[in-house]
């Protein structure tokens, strides 16, 4: 795998190595770090903390003992992967000395530095890391609630929802319409709906060639629209139709019983509806008072410590990371910095200078994929994109082709190792 296809974190890696060397002569006192959430952000942070300083007691709390990755889950919709192949457990964390607690955190007492679980267990900490992911804002569109999601799956959390949508695609008659409804606002994996459209288009072309896809989009544009649009035309002809918000793309209401979506253009009856609702941080981030009036969690971009609650750090999809996308690679990049900053703080040292990276792979066809790379730095207390002229060649920012399929597969294997210790 080419170096640029993963996280180029040379500067941070150097800082981490320095922090590790310094921590070896620091106080013998063992710090207690509790992590809420076992996805990419929380698990990666746990592993890195243990590698930087094995004397830190790390406890990770999650309600599930297995995690199904959202990256590559669109491929499971059309049979290119299985849900089993996307599932990871916490065995790698256990091997690294991370204590895993299968439970759900329901309360934070920041003053006494303690969290309480649904099972009634109180767990004390010196530092807390909150990586809760997202929740869905049910009721938008009107009529779209949790029960509606069993008929019109969102499949925006991988696992059972992915299986539901895959089954509906297989069962639909040839000639039916598949609708994908894309929300406005910040969301997990911004290119994801358009990768999904690409893969479903390939499935329809092979198995239901008289069918088509309508993308109802509450936005005026989307990431790498030029590449996606050209790929749709090249690979699938007229199977995919994108409808922007100005052309009536915002879905305002759904009628589940009639399998109908409503926009400003009127009703559209479809065979399969994939409705992706708008998103916000998971409920614990709200109850713990980590979220601002904007709905997401403000953090210090150097340490990822909450701007609202001291000694609590927020990483991953729930935090306000400015220019960084809400993606698995961004979450891991944040967690590397957060862990290094925490170890430095626990030993009375300055946090290392941040160096963030992200890469998002989108499958355009079985033999074609798009890579969207990003580099980020902290400037004036804000995470900002690094322009191509600052060291990343412009032709490597966004690349696509058959080579990227292999690079995507290799990236997926590597990021699972980084986050889950597989």
Protein backbone atom coordinates (compact mmCIF):
# COMPACT_ATOMS: atom_id res chain seq x y z
CA UNK A 1 0.00 0.00 0.00
CA UNK A 2 1.34 3.42 -0.92
CA UNK A 3 2.23 5.65 2.00
CA UNK A 4 -0.30 8.28 0.98
CA UNK A 5 -3.13 5.75 1.04
CA UNK A 6 -3.19 5.63 4.81
CA UNK A 7 -2.66 8.17 7.59
CA UNK A 8 0.52 10.15 7.01
CA UNK A 9 1.12 11.08 10.63
CA UNK A 10 4.89 11.46 10.65
CA UNK A 11 4.94 14.53 12.83
CA UNK A 12 2.54 13.08 15.37
CA UNK A 13 4.36 9.74 15.40
CA UNK A 14 7.55 11.56 16.33
CA UNK A 15 5.79 13.43 19.09
CA UNK A 16 4.28 10.18 20.36
CA UNK A 17 7.70 8.54 20.49
CA UNK A 18 9.05 11.51 22.44
CA UNK A 19 6.15 11.35 24.87
CA UNK A 20 6.73 7.61 25.39
CA UNK A 21 10.39 8.16 26.15
CA UNK A 22 9.62 10.97 28.58
CA UNK A 23 6.88 9.00 30.34
CA UNK A 24 9.32 6.21 31.21
CA UNK A 25 10.97 8.44 33.78
CA UNK A 26 7.80 10.10 35.02
CA UNK A 27 5.92 9.45 38.22
CA UNK A 28 5.10 5.83 39.00
CA UNK A 29 1.50 6.76 39.79
CA UNK A 30 -0.96 4.91 37.60
CA UNK A 31 -3.60 7.10 35.97
CA UNK A 32 -7.12 5.89 35.30
CA UNK A 33 -8.57 6.66 31.87
CA UNK A 34 -12.13 5.63 31.09
CA UNK A 35 -13.32 5.56 27.49
CA UNK A 36 -17.00 5.62 26.53
CA UNK A 37 -17.59 4.02 23.13
CA UNK A 38 -15.90 1.10 21.37
CA UNK A 39 -15.92 2.26 17.73
CA UNK A 40 -12.91 3.43 15.75
CA UNK A 41 -12.29 6.53 17.88
CA UNK A 42 -12.67 4.99 21.34
CA UNK A 43 -10.86 1.71 20.60
CA UNK A 44 -7.98 3.44 18.82
CA UNK A 45 -7.54 5.85 21.72
CA UNK A 46 -7.49 2.96 24.20
CA UNK A 47 -4.81 1.05 22.29
CA UNK A 48 -2.60 4.09 21.78
CA UNK A 49 -2.81 5.03 25.46
CA UNK A 50 -1.63 1.57 26.49
CA UNK A 51 1.20 1.65 23.95
CA UNK A 52 2.37 5.08 25.08
CA UNK A 53 2.28 4.26 28.79
CA UNK A 54 1.40 0.71 29.91
CA UNK A 55 1.02 1.96 33.50
CA UNK A 56 -2.17 3.78 32.59
CA UNK A 57 -5.26 1.81 33.56
CA UNK A 58 -7.57 2.01 30.56
CA UNK A 59 -11.21 0.94 30.84
CA UNK A 60 -13.41 0.92 27.73
CA UNK A 61 -17.17 0.78 28.19
CA UNK A 62 -19.55 -0.18 25.39
CA UNK A 63 -22.98 -1.78 25.29
CA UNK A 64 -21.96 -4.23 22.56
CA UNK A 65 -19.20 -6.82 22.61
CA UNK A 66 -18.94 -6.72 18.81
CA UNK A 67 -18.74 -3.78 16.44
CA UNK A 68 -19.74 -3.75 12.78
CA UNK A 69 -17.72 -1.21 10.81
CA UNK A 70 -19.48 1.37 8.69
CA UNK A 71 -16.50 1.54 6.31
CA UNK A 72 -17.07 -1.06 3.58
CA UNK A 73 -20.66 -1.70 4.71
CA UNK A 74 -22.03 -0.37 1.40
CA UNK A 75 -20.21 -3.27 -0.25
CA UNK A 76 -22.18 -5.67 1.95
CA UNK A 77 -25.42 -4.30 0.46
CA UNK A 78 -24.58 -5.78 -2.92
CA UNK A 79 -22.74 -8.95 -1.95
CA UNK A 80 -19.15 -7.76 -2.31
CA UNK A 81 -18.61 -8.36 1.42
CA UNK A 82 -20.48 -10.02 4.27
CA UNK A 83 -21.57 -8.54 7.58
CA UNK A 84 -19.42 -11.17 9.31
CA UNK A 85 -16.34 -9.84 7.50
CA UNK A 86 -17.08 -6.34 8.86
CA UNK A 87 -17.47 -7.46 12.47
CA UNK A 88 -14.75 -6.97 15.07
CA UNK A 89 -14.58 -7.83 18.74
CA UNK A 90 -12.53 -6.42 21.61
CA UNK A 91 -10.01 -9.25 21.85
CA UNK A 92 -7.23 -7.00 20.56
CA UNK A 93 -7.94 -4.48 23.29
CA UNK A 94 -7.79 -7.24 25.89
CA UNK A 95 -4.40 -8.36 24.63
CA UNK A 96 -3.17 -4.79 25.02
CA UNK A 97 -4.32 -4.70 28.65
CA UNK A 98 -7.49 -2.66 28.14
CA UNK A 99 -10.29 -3.60 30.52
CA UNK A 100 -13.55 -3.99 28.62
CA UNK A 101 -16.89 -3.41 30.38
CA UNK A 102 -20.01 -4.41 28.48
CA UNK A 103 -22.50 -1.85 29.69
CA UNK A 104 -23.97 1.52 28.79
CA UNK A 105 -22.84 4.74 30.47
CA UNK A 106 -25.86 6.75 31.57
CA UNK A 107 -24.42 9.53 33.76
CA UNK A 108 -21.31 11.62 34.31
CA UNK A 109 -20.38 13.28 37.58
CA UNK A 110 -17.58 15.53 36.43
CA UNK A 111 -16.88 17.02 39.85
CA UNK A 112 -15.98 13.71 41.46
CA UNK A 113 -14.70 12.25 38.16
CA UNK A 114 -16.97 9.26 37.94
CA UNK A 115 -19.33 7.71 35.42
CA UNK A 116 -22.30 5.48 36.18
CA UNK A 117 -23.53 2.67 33.97
CA UNK A 118 -27.01 1.32 33.29
CA UNK A 119 -25.99 -1.72 35.33
CA UNK A 120 -25.47 0.48 38.37
CA UNK A 121 -21.66 0.39 38.35
CA UNK A 122 -19.72 3.55 39.26
CA UNK A 123 -16.30 3.86 37.63
CA UNK A 124 -13.82 6.55 38.65
CA UNK A 125 -11.36 8.24 36.28
CA UNK A 126 -8.57 10.77 36.13
CA UNK A 127 -9.38 11.48 32.49
CA UNK A 128 -12.49 10.54 30.52
CA UNK A 129 -12.67 10.05 26.75
CA UNK A 130 -16.13 10.21 25.19
CA UNK A 131 -16.44 8.62 21.75
CA UNK A 132 -20.19 7.99 21.54
CA UNK A 133 -20.71 8.37 17.80
CA UNK A 134 -24.00 9.69 16.46
CA UNK A 135 -27.73 9.41 17.01
CA UNK A 136 -30.49 9.90 14.46
CA UNK A 137 -32.93 12.81 14.64
CA UNK A 138 -36.14 10.86 14.22
CA UNK A 139 -39.11 12.67 12.78
CA UNK A 140 -37.13 14.23 9.94
CA UNK A 141 -38.49 13.73 7.35
CA UNK A 142 -41.98 13.77 8.81
CA UNK A 143 -43.17 10.22 9.34
CA UNK A 144 -39.70 8.74 9.56
CA UNK A 145 -39.25 7.17 12.99
CA UNK A 146 -37.60 4.03 14.35
CA UNK A 147 -40.46 1.82 13.23
CA UNK A 148 -40.35 3.35 9.74
CA UNK A 149 -36.66 2.44 9.57
CA UNK A 150 -37.59 -1.25 9.55
CA UNK A 151 -39.46 -0.69 6.26
CA UNK A 152 -37.36 2.13 4.82
CA UNK A 153 -33.91 1.24 6.20
CA UNK A 154 -31.35 3.99 6.67
CA UNK A 155 -28.44 1.50 6.88
CA UNK A 156 -26.35 4.34 8.32
CA UNK A 157 -25.34 2.15 11.25
CA UNK A 158 -23.89 -1.08 9.93
CA UNK A 159 -25.31 -4.48 10.84
CA UNK A 160 -29.00 -5.30 10.99
CA UNK A 161 -29.95 -2.17 9.02
CA UNK A 162 -27.49 -3.12 6.28
CA UNK A 163 -29.08 -6.55 6.06
CA UNK A 164 -32.58 -5.08 5.86
CA UNK A 165 -31.70 -2.80 2.96
CA UNK A 166 -29.82 -5.58 1.16
CA UNK A 167 -32.87 -7.86 1.46
CA UNK A 168 -35.18 -5.19 0.04
CA UNK A 169 -32.88 -4.66 -2.92
CA UNK A 170 -32.83 -8.38 -3.67
CA UNK A 171 -36.61 -8.69 -3.36
CA UNK A 172 -37.63 -5.74 -5.55
CA UNK A 173 -39.03 -6.34 -9.02
CA UNK A 174 -37.05 -5.38 -12.07
CA UNK A 175 -38.20 -1.94 -13.20
CA UNK A 176 -38.68 -0.61 -9.67
CA UNK A 177 -37.21 2.65 -8.40
CA UNK A 178 -34.68 2.81 -5.57
CA UNK A 179 -34.68 6.14 -3.71
CA UNK A 180 -31.87 7.42 -1.50
CA UNK A 181 -32.75 10.42 0.67
CA UNK A 182 -29.72 12.46 1.80
CA UNK A 183 -30.13 14.91 4.72
CA UNK A 184 -28.69 18.35 5.13
CA UNK A 185 -26.25 19.27 7.90
CA UNK A 186 -23.22 17.52 9.34
CA UNK A 187 -23.30 13.77 8.90
CA UNK A 188 -21.17 10.66 9.18
CA UNK A 189 -19.22 9.85 5.98
CA UNK A 190 -20.34 12.64 3.62
CA UNK A 191 -19.42 10.71 0.41
CA UNK A 192 -21.22 7.59 1.67
CA UNK A 193 -24.64 8.10 0.03
CA UNK A 194 -23.04 8.54 -3.37
CA UNK A 195 -20.83 5.46 -3.00
CA UNK A 196 -24.02 3.62 -2.04
CA UNK A 197 -25.76 4.86 -5.18
CA UNK A 198 -22.79 3.68 -7.26
CA UNK A 199 -22.79 0.18 -5.82
CA UNK A 200 -26.55 -0.21 -5.98
CA UNK A 201 -26.44 0.97 -9.60
CA UNK A 202 -23.97 -1.81 -10.35
CA UNK A 203 -26.26 -4.33 -8.66
CA UNK A 204 -29.25 -3.12 -10.67
CA UNK A 205 -27.32 -3.16 -13.92
CA UNK A 206 -26.41 -6.81 -13.34
CA UNK A 207 -29.68 -8.10 -11.87
CA UNK A 208 -32.51 -5.61 -12.50
CA UNK A 209 -31.51 -3.63 -15.60
CA UNK A 210 -34.86 -1.86 -16.06
CA UNK A 211 -34.62 -0.26 -12.61
CA UNK A 212 -33.08 3.07 -11.66
CA UNK A 213 -31.93 5.12 -8.66
CA UNK A 214 -33.17 8.54 -7.62
CA UNK A 215 -30.97 10.44 -5.16
CA UNK A 216 -33.13 12.99 -3.34
CA UNK A 217 -30.57 15.38 -1.90
CA UNK A 218 -31.25 18.16 0.60
CA UNK A 219 -27.95 19.74 -0.51
CA UNK A 220 -26.81 21.67 -3.58
CA UNK A 221 -23.58 19.72 -4.05
CA UNK A 222 -21.66 16.79 -2.61
CA UNK A 223 -18.02 15.67 -2.23
CA UNK A 224 -16.28 15.05 -5.55
CA UNK A 225 -19.50 15.43 -7.44
CA UNK A 226 -17.59 15.68 -10.72
CA UNK A 227 -15.95 12.28 -10.28
CA UNK A 228 -19.11 10.54 -9.08
CA UNK A 229 -21.22 12.00 -11.88
CA UNK A 230 -18.72 11.02 -14.57
CA UNK A 231 -18.41 7.51 -13.11
CA UNK A 232 -22.18 7.05 -13.07
CA UNK A 233 -22.41 8.01 -16.71
CA UNK A 234 -19.45 5.82 -17.68
CA UNK A 235 -20.44 2.71 -15.73
CA UNK A 236 -24.22 2.89 -15.54
CA UNK A 237 -25.60 5.19 -18.22
CA UNK A 238 -28.86 6.72 -17.00
CA UNK A 239 -29.51 4.42 -14.05
CA UNK A 240 -28.56 7.10 -11.49
CA UNK A 241 -30.38 10.44 -11.28
CA UNK A 242 -29.31 13.05 -8.72
CA UNK A 243 -31.90 15.65 -7.66
CA UNK A 244 -30.53 18.66 -5.78
CA UNK A 245 -32.43 20.66 -3.18
CA UNK A 246 -33.13 23.45 -5.66
CA UNK A 247 -34.74 20.93 -7.99
CA UNK A 248 -36.95 19.45 -5.28
CA UNK A 249 -34.48 17.02 -3.74
CA UNK A 250 -35.35 17.60 -0.07
CA UNK A 251 -37.72 14.92 1.23
CA UNK A 252 -40.17 16.54 3.65
CA UNK A 253 -42.42 13.57 4.43
CA UNK A 254 -42.59 9.82 3.98
CA UNK A 255 -45.61 7.53 3.79
CA UNK A 256 -44.30 4.15 4.80
CA UNK A 257 -47.51 2.25 4.05
CA UNK A 258 -47.60 3.57 0.48
CA UNK A 259 -43.81 3.49 -0.01
CA UNK A 260 -43.95 7.13 -1.05
CA UNK A 261 -41.61 10.09 -0.55
CA UNK A 262 -42.85 13.68 -0.70
CA UNK A 263 -40.82 16.64 -1.94
CA UNK A 264 -41.74 20.07 -3.28
CA UNK A 265 -42.31 18.31 -6.61
CA UNK A 266 -45.02 16.14 -5.10
CA UNK A 267 -45.20 12.41 -4.28
CA UNK A 268 -42.80 9.78 -5.60
CA UNK A 269 -43.74 6.16 -5.14
CA UNK A 270 -40.71 3.83 -5.00
CA UNK A 271 -39.94 0.13 -4.66
CA UNK A 272 -37.13 0.62 -2.13
CA UNK A 273 -36.60 3.70 0.03
CA UNK A 274 -33.26 4.29 1.77
CA UNK A 275 -33.92 7.27 4.03
CA UNK A 276 -30.85 8.65 5.81
CA UNK A 277 -32.03 10.89 8.67
CA UNK A 278 -30.12 13.95 9.94
CA UNK A 279 -27.65 13.26 12.74
CA UNK A 280 -26.37 14.61 16.04
CA UNK A 281 -24.06 13.34 18.81
CA UNK A 282 -25.23 10.28 20.74
CA UNK A 283 -27.49 10.90 23.71
CA UNK A 284 -24.78 10.56 26.36
CA UNK A 285 -22.93 13.56 24.91
CA UNK A 286 -26.09 15.59 25.46
CA UNK A 287 -26.89 14.36 28.97
CA UNK A 288 -23.25 14.87 30.01
CA UNK A 289 -23.51 18.50 28.84
CA UNK A 290 -20.70 18.11 26.33
CA UNK A 291 -22.70 19.47 23.39
CA UNK A 292 -23.08 23.15 22.56
CA UNK A 293 -26.11 24.99 21.27
CA UNK A 294 -25.03 23.96 17.76
CA UNK A 295 -25.70 20.35 18.73
CA UNK A 296 -22.14 18.98 18.51
CA UNK A 297 -19.32 18.91 21.07
CA UNK A 298 -16.78 21.78 21.09
CA UNK A 299 -13.20 20.72 21.89
CA UNK A 300 -9.71 22.10 22.15
CA UNK A 301 -8.23 21.05 18.78
CA UNK A 302 -4.81 20.29 20.27
CA UNK A 303 -5.93 18.02 23.13
CA UNK A 304 -9.57 17.24 22.26
CA UNK A 305 -10.48 18.21 25.80
CA UNK A 306 -14.04 19.44 26.01
CA UNK A 307 -14.45 23.22 26.08
CA UNK A 308 -17.41 22.71 28.40
CA UNK A 309 -16.36 20.00 30.88
CA UNK A 310 -12.74 19.81 32.16
CA UNK A 311 -10.77 16.55 32.10
CA UNK A 312 -13.20 15.10 29.58
CA UNK A 313 -12.10 14.58 25.97
CA UNK A 314 -14.39 14.04 22.97
CA UNK A 315 -13.18 12.29 19.80
CA UNK A 316 -14.77 10.93 16.66
CA UNK A 317 -18.06 11.80 15.03
CA UNK A 318 -19.50 13.64 18.05
CA UNK A 319 -16.86 16.37 18.27
CA UNK A 320 -16.59 19.65 16.38
CA UNK A 321 -13.43 19.07 14.36
CA UNK A 322 -13.95 21.99 11.97
CA UNK A 323 -12.63 21.04 8.50
CA UNK A 324 -12.16 17.34 9.29
CA UNK A 325 -14.84 14.98 7.95
CA UNK A 326 -16.73 12.58 10.19
CA UNK A 327 -14.98 9.40 9.08
CA UNK A 328 -13.15 6.41 10.54
CA UNK A 329 -9.71 7.63 9.47
CA UNK A 330 -10.37 11.12 10.87
CA UNK A 331 -11.55 9.56 14.13
CA UNK A 332 -8.35 7.53 14.44
CA UNK A 333 -6.22 10.56 13.61
CA UNK A 334 -7.98 12.52 16.36
CA UNK A 335 -7.55 9.67 18.82
CA UNK A 336 -3.81 9.46 18.18
CA UNK A 337 -3.47 13.15 19.01
CA UNK A 338 -5.83 12.95 21.98
CA UNK A 339 -3.95 10.01 23.50
CA UNK A 340 -0.56 11.68 23.06
CA UNK A 341 -1.90 14.93 24.57
CA UNK A 342 -3.42 13.06 27.51
CA UNK A 343 -0.20 11.22 28.31
CA UNK A 344 1.67 14.51 28.13
CA UNK A 345 -0.84 16.16 30.48
CA UNK A 346 -0.73 13.26 32.95
CA UNK A 347 3.03 13.77 33.20
CA UNK A 348 2.95 17.57 33.28
CA UNK A 349 4.21 18.14 29.76
CA UNK A 350 3.00 20.12 26.77
CA UNK A 351 0.86 18.38 24.19
CA UNK A 352 2.58 17.51 20.89
CA UNK A 353 1.88 19.59 17.82
CA UNK A 354 -1.12 18.15 15.96
CA UNK A 355 -0.81 16.58 12.51
CA UNK A 356 -4.09 15.20 11.20
CA UNK A 357 -4.88 13.07 8.16
CA UNK A 358 -7.94 11.45 6.67
CA UNK A 359 -8.72 9.33 3.64
CA UNK A 360 -12.17 8.27 2.46
CA UNK A 361 -12.53 5.51 -0.12
CA UNK A 362 -15.69 5.23 -2.19
CA UNK A 363 -16.33 2.27 -4.48
CA UNK A 364 -17.60 3.54 -7.83
CA UNK A 365 -17.82 0.09 -9.44
CA UNK A 366 -16.41 -3.37 -8.73
CA UNK A 367 -13.20 -2.34 -10.53
CA UNK A 368 -13.14 1.39 -9.73
CA UNK A 369 -12.80 3.38 -6.51
CA UNK A 370 -12.30 7.00 -5.48
CA UNK A 371 -9.89 8.14 -2.78
CA UNK A 372 -10.42 11.52 -1.10
CA UNK A 373 -7.41 12.55 0.96
CA UNK A 374 -7.16 15.35 3.47
CA UNK A 375 -4.43 16.89 5.62
CA UNK A 376 -5.21 19.22 8.48
CA UNK A 377 -3.42 21.45 10.95
CA UNK A 378 -4.36 23.64 13.88
CA UNK A 379 -4.25 27.36 13.16
CA UNK A 380 -5.70 29.99 15.47
CA UNK A 381 -7.30 27.27 17.62
CA UNK A 382 -9.14 25.81 14.65
CA UNK A 383 -8.55 22.67 12.58
CA UNK A 384 -8.01 23.77 8.99
CA UNK A 385 -7.31 21.97 5.73
CA UNK A 386 -3.73 22.06 4.49
CA UNK A 387 -3.69 23.17 0.84
CA UNK A 388 -2.02 20.95 -1.73
CA UNK A 389 0.79 23.47 -2.18
CA UNK A 390 1.81 22.85 1.44
CA UNK A 391 3.22 19.44 0.69
CA UNK A 392 0.61 17.14 -0.82
CA UNK A 393 0.65 16.96 -4.60
CA UNK A 394 -2.62 18.11 -6.11
CA UNK A 395 -2.98 14.93 -8.18
CA UNK A 396 -2.92 12.84 -4.99
CA UNK A 397 -5.74 14.66 -3.24
CA UNK A 398 -8.49 12.91 -5.20
CA UNK A 399 -7.63 9.84 -7.23
CA UNK A 400 -9.71 7.07 -8.72
CA UNK A 401 -9.30 3.98 -10.83
CA UNK A 402 -8.78 0.24 -10.53
CA UNK A 403 -5.64 0.66 -8.40
CA UNK A 404 -7.68 2.40 -5.71
CA UNK A 405 -9.79 -0.74 -5.18
CA UNK A 406 -6.71 -2.61 -3.94
CA UNK A 407 -5.59 0.43 -1.96
CA UNK A 408 -9.01 0.63 -0.30
CA UNK A 409 -8.85 -3.01 0.72
CA UNK A 410 -5.36 -2.56 2.16
CA UNK A 411 -6.41 0.62 3.97
CA UNK A 412 -9.34 -1.19 5.55
CA UNK A 413 -7.11 -3.98 6.87
CA UNK A 414 -4.63 -1.47 8.28
CA UNK A 415 -7.16 0.78 9.99
CA UNK A 416 -8.75 -2.25 11.68
CA UNK A 417 -5.31 -3.12 13.06
CA UNK A 418 -4.74 0.44 14.21
CA UNK A 419 -8.15 0.79 15.91
CA UNK A 420 -8.86 -2.72 17.17
CA UNK A 421 -5.47 -4.42 17.39
CA UNK A 422 -6.45 -7.23 15.02
